[in-house]
């Protein structure tokens, strides 16, 4: 499965997590929860209803919500 990043294009913290994953050389799939209704539903299910992005998962389990204590509400 690997990493999955649920985020929003307008959220700078989503960008920061993406850049960190790229820096680490990690393979990941990114979902835009603003335009992808299915991804938004999955994110809400995985995060127990949290509406803060970014949400980073590894093999289906939440690794973190937000980035360094910050996030964007969608």
Protein backbone atom coordinates (compact mmCIF):
# COMPACT_ATOMS: atom_id res chain seq x y z
CA UNK A 1 0.00 0.00 0.00
CA UNK A 2 2.53 2.61 1.06
CA UNK A 3 1.98 6.26 1.85
CA UNK A 4 -1.19 8.12 0.95
CA UNK A 5 -1.42 11.88 1.29
CA UNK A 6 -4.87 13.45 1.58
CA UNK A 7 -4.72 17.18 1.11
CA UNK A 8 -5.82 20.34 -0.58
CA UNK A 9 -3.96 22.28 -3.29
CA UNK A 10 -4.51 25.56 -1.42
CA UNK A 11 -3.08 24.26 1.87
CA UNK A 12 0.60 25.12 2.38
CA UNK A 13 0.96 22.27 4.88
CA UNK A 14 -0.10 19.75 2.24
CA UNK A 15 2.67 21.16 0.07
CA UNK A 16 5.15 20.85 2.95
CA UNK A 17 4.32 17.18 3.55
CA UNK A 18 4.55 16.48 -0.21
CA UNK A 19 7.98 18.13 -0.34
CA UNK A 20 9.14 16.18 2.73
CA UNK A 21 8.00 12.86 1.19
CA UNK A 22 9.78 13.73 -2.05
CA UNK A 23 12.94 14.72 -0.14
CA UNK A 24 12.85 11.36 1.67
CA UNK A 25 12.41 9.56 -1.65
CA UNK A 26 9.18 7.98 -0.43
CA UNK A 27 6.65 6.67 -2.91
CA UNK A 28 3.17 8.02 -2.25
CA UNK A 29 -0.21 8.66 -3.80
CA UNK A 30 -1.74 12.09 -3.30
CA UNK A 31 -5.47 12.80 -3.20
CA UNK A 32 -7.16 16.20 -3.53
CA UNK A 33 -10.04 16.01 -1.07
CA UNK A 34 -11.58 19.20 -2.48
CA UNK A 35 -12.29 17.66 -5.89
CA UNK A 36 -12.24 13.90 -5.21
CA UNK A 37 -15.40 13.05 -3.26
CA UNK A 38 -14.35 9.42 -2.77
CA UNK A 39 -10.97 10.46 -1.35
CA UNK A 40 -12.67 12.92 0.99
CA UNK A 41 -14.96 10.15 2.30
CA UNK A 42 -11.97 7.81 2.81
CA UNK A 43 -10.04 10.54 4.62
CA UNK A 44 -12.95 11.25 6.97
CA UNK A 45 -13.32 7.53 7.66
CA UNK A 46 -9.61 6.97 8.29
CA UNK A 47 -9.25 10.08 10.47
CA UNK A 48 -12.43 9.53 12.51
CA UNK A 49 -14.11 12.58 11.01
CA UNK A 50 -11.17 14.99 11.24
CA UNK A 51 -11.49 17.65 8.55
CA UNK A 52 -7.94 18.93 8.88
CA UNK A 53 -5.47 18.32 6.06
CA UNK A 54 -2.94 17.09 5.36
CA UNK A 55 -3.63 13.53 6.48
CA UNK A 56 -0.76 11.14 5.90
CA UNK A 57 -1.35 7.41 6.10
CA UNK A 58 0.95 4.42 5.78
CA UNK A 59 -0.57 1.09 4.83
CA UNK A 60 -4.03 2.42 5.73
CA UNK A 61 -3.13 3.70 9.21
CA UNK A 62 -2.91 7.40 10.07
CA UNK A 63 0.69 8.53 10.55
CA UNK A 64 -0.18 12.16 11.19
CA UNK A 65 -2.83 14.79 10.75
CA UNK A 66 -1.52 18.25 9.94
CA UNK A 67 2.12 19.21 9.71
CA UNK A 68 4.20 20.39 12.66
CA UNK A 69 1.05 21.20 14.62
CA UNK A 70 -0.66 23.08 11.80
CA UNK A 71 -3.22 22.23 9.17
CA UNK A 72 -6.04 23.50 7.00
CA UNK A 73 -9.71 22.70 7.52
CA UNK A 74 -11.58 21.51 4.43
